[in-house]
């Protein structure tokens, strides 16, 4: 099955507060990317397409629920995507998607130039 993932996941558990309909819920990430996350420890159902607000420390941002899965009677997971993908919401050392692509292109250019000069 082809991988639809647009960015590399980093396993990281970070506590977050989720604001849904003016009610705050506690959860945590299971893994994160520069543009989203997989949330765990959810106790409330999240429907795909729903816009939620996440708070990590004093930083807040809006995310769209991409998918939701029931794991047990009181345990749900959800995949979320940032509506503000250029912002470093997680405050950890993840490369921005655009920076990662630029870095890959620079590496390819250097390798190409090096292999030409070796010949």
Protein backbone atom coordinates (compact mmCIF):
# COMPACT_ATOMS: atom_id res chain seq x y z
CA UNK A 1 0.00 0.00 0.00
CA UNK A 2 1.51 3.40 -0.94
CA UNK A 3 2.34 5.74 1.93
CA UNK A 4 0.11 8.85 1.77
CA UNK A 5 2.06 10.58 4.53
CA UNK A 6 3.36 13.98 3.43
CA UNK A 7 5.82 14.43 6.28
CA UNK A 8 7.97 12.32 8.56
CA UNK A 9 6.43 11.49 11.95
CA UNK A 10 8.49 11.93 15.12
CA UNK A 11 7.39 9.90 18.14
CA UNK A 12 6.90 12.43 20.91
CA UNK A 13 4.52 12.61 23.86
CA UNK A 14 3.59 16.22 24.59
CA UNK A 15 0.71 17.32 26.81
CA UNK A 16 -1.92 19.49 25.12
CA UNK A 17 -5.22 21.11 25.98
CA UNK A 18 -7.98 20.83 23.40
CA UNK A 19 -10.77 23.38 23.24
CA UNK A 20 -13.97 21.99 21.69
CA UNK A 21 -17.19 24.00 21.91
CA UNK A 22 -15.76 26.12 24.76
CA UNK A 23 -14.93 22.99 26.81
CA UNK A 24 -11.29 22.15 27.60
CA UNK A 25 -10.10 18.54 27.33
CA UNK A 26 -6.68 17.15 28.23
CA UNK A 27 -4.80 14.87 25.83
CA UNK A 28 -1.28 14.23 24.56
CA UNK A 29 0.49 13.68 21.29
CA UNK A 30 1.73 10.25 20.27
CA UNK A 31 3.74 11.51 17.34
CA UNK A 32 4.12 14.87 15.65
CA UNK A 33 5.09 16.38 12.32
CA UNK A 34 5.81 19.96 11.33
CA UNK A 35 2.18 20.24 10.18
CA UNK A 36 0.17 17.97 12.47
CA UNK A 37 0.01 15.22 15.06
CA UNK A 38 -1.61 12.03 16.23
CA UNK A 39 -3.41 12.63 19.52
CA UNK A 40 -4.04 10.05 22.21
CA UNK A 41 -5.83 9.86 25.57
CA UNK A 42 -8.89 11.52 24.06
CA UNK A 43 -12.12 11.06 25.98
CA UNK A 44 -14.42 12.85 23.56
CA UNK A 45 -15.35 11.98 19.98
CA UNK A 46 -13.78 14.14 17.27
CA UNK A 47 -15.31 14.05 13.81
CA UNK A 48 -13.19 14.49 10.67
CA UNK A 49 -13.39 18.06 9.40
CA UNK A 50 -13.97 19.54 12.86
CA UNK A 51 -11.82 22.56 13.70
CA UNK A 52 -10.32 22.38 17.20
CA UNK A 53 -8.00 24.68 19.15
CA UNK A 54 -4.93 23.21 20.81
CA UNK A 55 -2.92 24.85 23.54
CA UNK A 56 0.63 23.87 24.43
CA UNK A 57 1.96 26.06 27.22
CA UNK A 58 0.93 29.59 26.29
CA UNK A 59 0.84 28.86 22.54
CA UNK A 60 -2.53 28.28 20.85
CA UNK A 61 -3.32 27.17 17.30
CA UNK A 62 -6.22 25.82 15.27
CA UNK A 63 -6.17 22.33 13.76
CA UNK A 64 -8.51 20.31 11.55
CA UNK A 65 -9.36 16.74 12.55
CA UNK A 66 -8.38 14.42 9.66
CA UNK A 67 -9.42 11.10 11.20
CA UNK A 68 -10.58 9.62 14.49
CA UNK A 69 -10.40 6.04 15.79
CA UNK A 70 -12.02 4.40 18.83
CA UNK A 71 -9.47 2.13 20.58
CA UNK A 72 -11.50 1.23 23.64
CA UNK A 73 -14.56 2.32 25.60
CA UNK A 74 -12.80 5.46 26.89
CA UNK A 75 -9.86 5.79 24.52
CA UNK A 76 -9.77 7.57 21.19
CA UNK A 77 -7.00 8.71 18.87
CA UNK A 78 -7.19 11.37 16.21
CA UNK A 79 -5.02 12.71 13.44
CA UNK A 80 -4.92 16.50 13.17
CA UNK A 81 -3.50 18.96 10.66
CA UNK A 82 -2.49 22.53 11.42
CA UNK A 83 -4.38 25.39 9.82
CA UNK A 84 -1.21 27.48 10.35
CA UNK A 85 1.51 25.14 9.00
CA UNK A 86 4.34 27.70 9.05
CA UNK A 87 4.15 28.19 12.80
CA UNK A 88 6.36 26.05 15.09
CA UNK A 89 3.54 25.13 17.43
CA UNK A 90 5.34 22.19 19.08
CA UNK A 91 8.40 24.26 20.10
CA UNK A 92 10.71 21.34 19.37
CA UNK A 93 13.43 20.89 16.78
CA UNK A 94 11.42 19.68 13.80
CA UNK A 95 12.45 20.84 10.37
CA UNK A 96 9.83 22.80 8.53
CA UNK A 97 8.55 20.89 5.47
CA UNK A 98 9.91 23.56 3.16
CA UNK A 99 13.30 23.66 4.91
CA UNK A 100 13.56 19.88 4.67
CA UNK A 101 12.91 19.97 0.91
CA UNK A 102 15.47 22.76 0.47
CA UNK A 103 18.04 20.80 2.50
CA UNK A 104 17.41 17.70 0.37
CA UNK A 105 17.88 19.70 -2.83
CA UNK A 106 21.12 21.26 -1.55
CA UNK A 107 22.44 17.80 -0.64
CA UNK A 108 21.54 16.46 -4.10
CA UNK A 109 23.22 19.45 -5.77
CA UNK A 110 26.39 18.98 -3.68
CA UNK A 111 26.50 15.23 -4.41
CA UNK A 112 25.92 15.84 -8.12
CA UNK A 113 28.66 18.48 -8.26
CA UNK A 114 31.03 16.23 -6.27
CA UNK A 115 30.45 13.21 -8.53
CA UNK A 116 31.11 15.36 -11.64
CA UNK A 117 34.37 16.71 -10.23
CA UNK A 118 35.58 13.20 -9.30
CA UNK A 119 35.25 11.97 -12.90
